[in-house]
Amino acid sequence: ALAALEPEAERAAALVEQLGRTPRTGA
């Protein structure tokens, strides 16, 4: 199931783009 998902790195990059590159987003 995990292998069928969009790669985690791409999902994280999209969320960072949406939320901003801040320590709060990282947390």
PDB file of all heavy atoms in Angstrom:
ATOM      1  N   ALA A   1       0.830  -1.210   0.000  1.00  0.00           N
ATOM      2  CA  ALA A   1       0.000   0.000   0.000  1.00  0.00           C
ATOM      3  C   ALA A   1       0.861   1.256   0.000  1.00  0.00           C
ATOM      4  O   ALA A   1       0.576   2.216  -0.729  1.00  0.00           O
ATOM      5  CB  ALA A   1      -0.932  -0.012   1.212  1.00  0.00           C
ATOM      6  N   LEU A   2       1.929   1.257   0.798  1.00  0.00           N
ATOM      7  CA  LEU A   2       2.826   2.409   0.837  1.00  0.00           C
ATOM      8  C   LEU A   2       3.545   2.601  -0.495  1.00  0.00           C
ATOM      9  O   LEU A   2       3.727   3.731  -0.956  1.00  0.00           O
ATOM     10  CB  LEU A   2       3.836   2.265   1.977  1.00  0.00           C
ATOM     11  CG  LEU A   2       3.270   2.528   3.362  1.00  0.00           C
ATOM     12  CD1 LEU A   2       4.213   2.014   4.434  1.00  0.00           C
ATOM     13  CD2 LEU A   2       2.985   3.999   3.554  1.00  0.00           C
ATOM     14  N   ALA A   3       3.932   1.504  -1.117  1.00  0.00           N
ATOM     15  CA  ALA A   3       4.635   1.589  -2.402  1.00  0.00           C
ATOM     16  C   ALA A   3       3.742   2.167  -3.491  1.00  0.00           C
ATOM     17  O   ALA A   3       4.240   2.767  -4.451  1.00  0.00           O
ATOM     18  CB  ALA A   3       5.148   0.208  -2.808  1.00  0.00           C
ATOM     19  N   ALA A   4       2.445   2.010  -3.364  1.00  0.00           N
ATOM     20  CA  ALA A   4       1.512   2.512  -4.376  1.00  0.00           C
ATOM     21  C   ALA A   4       1.238   4.014  -4.236  1.00  0.00           C
ATOM     22  O   ALA A   4       0.683   4.626  -5.145  1.00  0.00           O
ATOM     23  CB  ALA A   4       0.191   1.737  -4.290  1.00  0.00           C
ATOM     24  N   LEU A   5       1.637   4.598  -3.112  1.00  0.00           N
ATOM     25  CA  LEU A   5       1.408   6.023  -2.890  1.00  0.00           C
ATOM     26  C   LEU A   5       2.405   6.872  -3.654  1.00  0.00           C
ATOM     27  O   LEU A   5       3.487   6.410  -4.023  1.00  0.00           O
ATOM     28  CB  LEU A   5       1.553   6.352  -1.399  1.00  0.00           C
ATOM     29  CG  LEU A   5       0.562   5.727  -0.432  1.00  0.00           C
ATOM     30  CD1 LEU A   5       0.960   6.065   1.003  1.00  0.00           C
ATOM     31  CD2 LEU A   5      -0.856   6.190  -0.729  1.00  0.00           C
ATOM     32  N   GLU A   6       2.053   8.147  -3.838  1.00  0.00           N
ATOM     33  CA  GLU A   6       3.030   9.118  -4.322  1.00  0.00           C
ATOM     34  C   GLU A   6       4.184   9.085  -3.321  1.00  0.00           C
ATOM     35  O   GLU A   6       3.951   8.980  -2.104  1.00  0.00           O
ATOM     36  CB  GLU A   6       2.376  10.499  -4.356  1.00  0.00           C
ATOM     37  CG  GLU A   6       3.297  11.604  -4.782  1.00  0.00           C
ATOM     38  CD  GLU A   6       2.613  12.975  -4.763  1.00  0.00           C
ATOM     39  OE1 GLU A   6       1.547  13.111  -4.132  1.00  0.00           O
ATOM     40  OE2 GLU A   6       3.169  13.890  -5.368  1.00  0.00           O
ATOM     41  N   PRO A   7       5.431   9.159  -3.774  1.00  0.00           N
ATOM     42  CA  PRO A   7       6.554   9.081  -2.837  1.00  0.00           C
ATOM     43  C   PRO A   7       6.437  10.121  -1.712  1.00  0.00           C
ATOM     44  O   PRO A   7       5.987  11.249  -1.930  1.00  0.00           O
ATOM     45  CB  PRO A   7       7.776   9.359  -3.714  1.00  0.00           C
ATOM     46  CG  PRO A   7       7.348   8.916  -5.082  1.00  0.00           C
ATOM     47  CD  PRO A   7       5.880   9.260  -5.160  1.00  0.00           C
ATOM     48  N   GLU A   8       6.864   9.710  -0.536  1.00  0.00           N
ATOM     49  CA  GLU A   8       6.769  10.573   0.637  1.00  0.00           C
ATOM     50  C   GLU A   8       7.473  11.909   0.413  1.00  0.00           C
ATOM     51  O   GLU A   8       6.963  12.956   0.824  1.00  0.00           O
ATOM     52  CB  GLU A   8       7.361   9.858   1.862  1.00  0.00           C
ATOM     53  CG  GLU A   8       7.251  10.688   3.132  1.00  0.00           C
ATOM     54  CD  GLU A   8       7.872  10.023   4.338  1.00  0.00           C
ATOM     55  OE1 GLU A   8       9.076   9.708   4.291  1.00  0.00           O
ATOM     56  OE2 GLU A   8       7.147   9.841   5.326  1.00  0.00           O
ATOM     57  N   ALA A   9       8.617  11.889  -0.244  1.00  0.00           N
ATOM     58  CA  ALA A   9       9.365  13.131  -0.483  1.00  0.00           C
ATOM     59  C   ALA A   9       8.536  14.126  -1.303  1.00  0.00           C
ATOM     60  O   ALA A   9       8.548  15.328  -1.027  1.00  0.00           O
ATOM     61  CB  ALA A   9      10.682  12.824  -1.198  1.00  0.00           C
ATOM     62  N   GLU A  10       7.804  13.619  -2.283  1.00  0.00           N
ATOM     63  CA  GLU A  10       6.976  14.504  -3.111  1.00  0.00           C
ATOM     64  C   GLU A  10       5.784  15.041  -2.315  1.00  0.00           C
ATOM     65  O   GLU A  10       5.405  16.209  -2.453  1.00  0.00           O
ATOM     66  CB  GLU A  10       6.498  13.769  -4.358  1.00  0.00           C
ATOM     67  CG  GLU A  10       7.622  13.452  -5.323  1.00  0.00           C
ATOM     68  CD  GLU A  10       7.184  12.625  -6.516  1.00  0.00           C
ATOM     69  OE1 GLU A  10       5.983  12.635  -6.862  1.00  0.00           O
ATOM     70  OE2 GLU A  10       8.049  11.956  -7.099  1.00  0.00           O
ATOM     71  N   ARG A  11       5.207  14.202  -1.489  1.00  0.00           N
ATOM     72  CA  ARG A  11       4.088  14.662  -0.651  1.00  0.00           C
ATOM     73  C   ARG A  11       4.559  15.722   0.330  1.00  0.00           C
ATOM     74  O   ARG A  11       3.896  16.745   0.529  1.00  0.00           O
ATOM     75  CB  ARG A  11       3.451  13.476   0.099  1.00  0.00           C
ATOM     76  CG  ARG A  11       2.832  12.451  -0.828  1.00  0.00           C
ATOM     77  CD  ARG A  11       2.001  11.376  -0.139  1.00  0.00           C
ATOM     78  NE  ARG A  11       2.350  10.974   1.195  1.00  0.00           N
ATOM     79  CZ  ARG A  11       3.043   9.866   1.503  1.00  0.00           C
ATOM     80  NH1 ARG A  11       3.480   9.047   0.552  1.00  0.00           N
ATOM     81  NH2 ARG A  11       3.284   9.561   2.760  1.00  0.00           N
ATOM     82  N   ALA A  12       5.728  15.508   0.927  1.00  0.00           N
ATOM     83  CA  ALA A  12       6.269  16.481   1.883  1.00  0.00           C
ATOM     84  C   ALA A  12       6.602  17.793   1.180  1.00  0.00           C
ATOM     85  O   ALA A  12       6.293  18.876   1.698  1.00  0.00           O
ATOM     86  CB  ALA A  12       7.516  15.917   2.566  1.00  0.00           C
ATOM     87  N   ALA A  13       7.198  17.722   0.002  1.00  0.00           N
ATOM     88  CA  ALA A  13       7.546  18.945  -0.733  1.00  0.00           C
ATOM     89  C   ALA A  13       6.291  19.753  -1.072  1.00  0.00           C
ATOM     90  O   ALA A  13       6.286  20.984  -0.952  1.00  0.00           O
ATOM     91  CB  ALA A  13       8.317  18.592  -2.001  1.00  0.00           C
ATOM     92  N   ALA A  14       5.222  19.068  -1.454  1.00  0.00           N
ATOM     93  CA  ALA A  14       3.971  19.765  -1.778  1.00  0.00           C
ATOM     94  C   ALA A  14       3.391  20.435  -0.535  1.00  0.00           C
ATOM     95  O   ALA A  14       2.898  21.576  -0.611  1.00  0.00           O
ATOM     96  CB  ALA A  14       2.966  18.790  -2.375  1.00  0.00           C
ATOM     97  N   LEU A  15       3.469  19.767   0.601  1.00  0.00           N
ATOM     98  CA  LEU A  15       2.950  20.356   1.838  1.00  0.00           C
ATOM     99  C   LEU A  15       3.794  21.546   2.275  1.00  0.00           C
ATOM    100  O   LEU A  15       3.252  22.561   2.735  1.00  0.00           O
ATOM    101  CB  LEU A  15       2.883  19.299   2.943  1.00  0.00           C
ATOM    102  CG  LEU A  15       1.777  18.268   2.770  1.00  0.00           C
ATOM    103  CD1 LEU A  15       1.974  17.096   3.725  1.00  0.00           C
ATOM    104  CD2 LEU A  15       0.415  18.911   3.000  1.00  0.00           C
ATOM    105  N   VAL A  16       5.110  21.445   2.124  1.00  0.00           N
ATOM    106  CA  VAL A  16       5.985  22.567   2.476  1.00  0.00           C
ATOM    107  C   VAL A  16       5.696  23.757   1.561  1.00  0.00           C
ATOM    108  O   VAL A  16       5.634  24.897   2.012  1.00  0.00           O
ATOM    109  CB  VAL A  16       7.478  22.147   2.407  1.00  0.00           C
ATOM    110  CG1 VAL A  16       8.395  23.360   2.441  1.00  0.00           C
ATOM    111  CG2 VAL A  16       7.802  21.200   3.556  1.00  0.00           C
ATOM    112  N   GLU A  17       5.482  23.488   0.292  1.00  0.00           N
ATOM    113  CA  GLU A  17       5.141  24.555  -0.649  1.00  0.00           C
ATOM    114  C   GLU A  17       3.840  25.238  -0.230  1.00  0.00           C
ATOM    115  O   GLU A  17       3.714  26.460  -0.295  1.00  0.00           O
ATOM    116  CB  GLU A  17       5.010  23.968  -2.057  1.00  0.00           C
ATOM    117  CG  GLU A  17       4.912  24.993  -3.144  1.00  0.00           C
ATOM    118  CD  GLU A  17       6.175  25.826  -3.289  1.00  0.00           C
ATOM    119  OE1 GLU A  17       7.281  25.294  -3.065  1.00  0.00           O
ATOM    120  OE2 GLU A  17       6.047  27.016  -3.617  1.00  0.00           O
ATOM    121  N   GLN A  18       2.890  24.460   0.204  1.00  0.00           N
ATOM    122  CA  GLN A  18       1.579  24.970   0.604  1.00  0.00           C
ATOM    123  C   GLN A  18       1.643  25.719   1.941  1.00  0.00           C
ATOM    124  O   GLN A  18       1.039  26.786   2.101  1.00  0.00           O
ATOM    125  CB  GLN A  18       0.594  23.814   0.706  1.00  0.00           C
ATOM    126  CG  GLN A  18      -0.779  24.180   1.194  1.00  0.00           C
ATOM    127  CD  GLN A  18      -1.657  22.943   1.407  1.00  0.00           C
ATOM    128  OE1 GLN A  18      -1.291  21.830   1.061  1.00  0.00           O
ATOM    129  NE2 GLN A  18      -2.819  23.150   1.983  1.00  0.00           N
ATOM    130  N   LEU A  19       2.380  25.165   2.912  1.00  0.00           N
ATOM    131  CA  LEU A  19       2.390  25.697   4.273  1.00  0.00           C
ATOM    132  C   LEU A  19       3.531  26.669   4.557  1.00  0.00           C
ATOM    133  O   LEU A  19       3.476  27.410   5.530  1.00  0.00           O
ATOM    134  CB  LEU A  19       2.453  24.541   5.282  1.00  0.00           C
ATOM    135  CG  LEU A  19       1.307  23.531   5.217  1.00  0.00           C
ATOM    136  CD1 LEU A  19       1.608  22.324   6.092  1.00  0.00           C
ATOM    137  CD2 LEU A  19      -0.003  24.198   5.616  1.00  0.00           C
ATOM    138  N   GLY A  20       4.565  26.626   3.729  1.00  0.00           N
ATOM    139  CA  GLY A  20       5.725  27.488   3.936  1.00  0.00           C
ATOM    140  C   GLY A  20       6.896  26.731   4.537  1.00  0.00           C
ATOM    141  O   GLY A  20       6.725  25.767   5.266  1.00  0.00           O
ATOM    142  N   ARG A  21       8.103  27.212   4.206  1.00  0.00           N
ATOM    143  CA  ARG A  21       9.339  26.593   4.701  1.00  0.00           C
ATOM    144  C   ARG A  21       9.691  27.193   6.057  1.00  0.00           C
ATOM    145  O   ARG A  21      10.561  28.040   6.160  1.00  0.00           O
ATOM    146  CB  ARG A  21      10.465  26.881   3.708  1.00  0.00           C
ATOM    147  CG  ARG A  21      10.848  25.744   2.885  1.00  0.00           C
ATOM    148  CD  ARG A  21      12.050  26.039   2.000  1.00  0.00           C
ATOM    149  NE  ARG A  21      12.058  25.041   0.980  1.00  0.00           N
ATOM    150  CZ  ARG A  21      11.502  25.178  -0.209  1.00  0.00           C
ATOM    151  NH1 ARG A  21      10.959  26.311  -0.552  1.00  0.00           N
ATOM    152  NH2 ARG A  21      11.519  24.193  -1.067  1.00  0.00           N
ATOM    153  N   THR A  22       9.008  26.726   7.082  1.00  0.00           N
ATOM    154  CA  THR A  22       9.241  27.265   8.425  1.00  0.00           C
ATOM    155  C   THR A  22       9.485  26.125   9.400  1.00  0.00           C
ATOM    156  O   THR A  22       9.122  24.980   9.132  1.00  0.00           O
ATOM    157  CB  THR A  22       8.003  28.061   8.911  1.00  0.00           C
ATOM    158  OG1 THR A  22       6.909  27.145   9.084  1.00  0.00           O
ATOM    159  CG2 THR A  22       7.616  29.162   7.930  1.00  0.00           C
ATOM    160  N   PRO A  23      10.091  26.442  10.527  1.00  0.00           N
ATOM    161  CA  PRO A  23      10.250  25.412  11.564  1.00  0.00           C
ATOM    162  C   PRO A  23       8.905  24.837  12.012  1.00  0.00           C
ATOM    163  O   PRO A  23       8.804  23.652  12.325  1.00  0.00           O
ATOM    164  CB  PRO A  23      10.945  26.161  12.708  1.00  0.00           C
ATOM    165  CG  PRO A  23      11.671  27.279  12.034  1.00  0.00           C
ATOM    166  CD  PRO A  23      10.796  27.688  10.881  1.00  0.00           C
ATOM    167  N   ARG A  24       7.894  25.684  12.020  1.00  0.00           N
ATOM    168  CA  ARG A  24       6.564  25.223  12.427  1.00  0.00           C
ATOM    169  C   ARG A  24       6.039  24.153  11.455  1.00  0.00           C
ATOM    170  O   ARG A  24       5.446  23.161  11.876  1.00  0.00           O
ATOM    171  CB  ARG A  24       5.618  26.412  12.471  1.00  0.00           C
ATOM    172  CG  ARG A  24       4.268  26.079  12.991  1.00  0.00           C
ATOM    173  CD  ARG A  24       3.384  27.311  13.053  1.00  0.00           C
ATOM    174  NE  ARG A  24       2.277  27.053  13.926  1.00  0.00           N
ATOM    175  CZ  ARG A  24       1.661  27.943  14.633  1.00  0.00           C
ATOM    176  NH1 ARG A  24       2.030  29.198  14.575  1.00  0.00           N
ATOM    177  NH2 ARG A  24       0.654  27.606  15.400  1.00  0.00           N
ATOM    178  N   THR A  25       6.249  24.360  10.160  1.00  0.00           N
ATOM    179  CA  THR A  25       5.842  23.367   9.162  1.00  0.00           C
ATOM    180  C   THR A  25       6.616  22.072   9.376  1.00  0.00           C
ATOM    181  O   THR A  25       6.039  20.986   9.326  1.00  0.00           O
ATOM    182  CB  THR A  25       6.068  23.904   7.730  1.00  0.00           C
ATOM    183  OG1 THR A  25       5.232  25.046   7.537  1.00  0.00           O
ATOM    184  CG2 THR A  25       5.757  22.848   6.693  1.00  0.00           C
ATOM    185  N   GLY A  26       7.914  22.191   9.625  1.00  0.00           N
ATOM    186  CA  GLY A  26       8.719  20.998   9.885  1.00  0.00           C
ATOM    187  C   GLY A  26       8.216  20.208  11.077  1.00  0.00           C
ATOM    188  O   GLY A  26       8.099  18.983  11.025  1.00  0.00           O
ATOM    189  N   ALA A  27       7.883  20.923  12.148  1.00  0.00           N
ATOM    190  CA  ALA A  27       7.374  20.253  13.351  1.00  0.00           C
ATOM    191  C   ALA A  27       6.030  19.588  13.070  1.00  0.00           C
ATOM    192  O   ALA A  27       5.779  18.460  13.513  1.00  0.00           O
ATOM    193  CB  ALA A  27       7.249  21.259  14.494  1.00  0.00           C
TER     194      ALA A  27
END
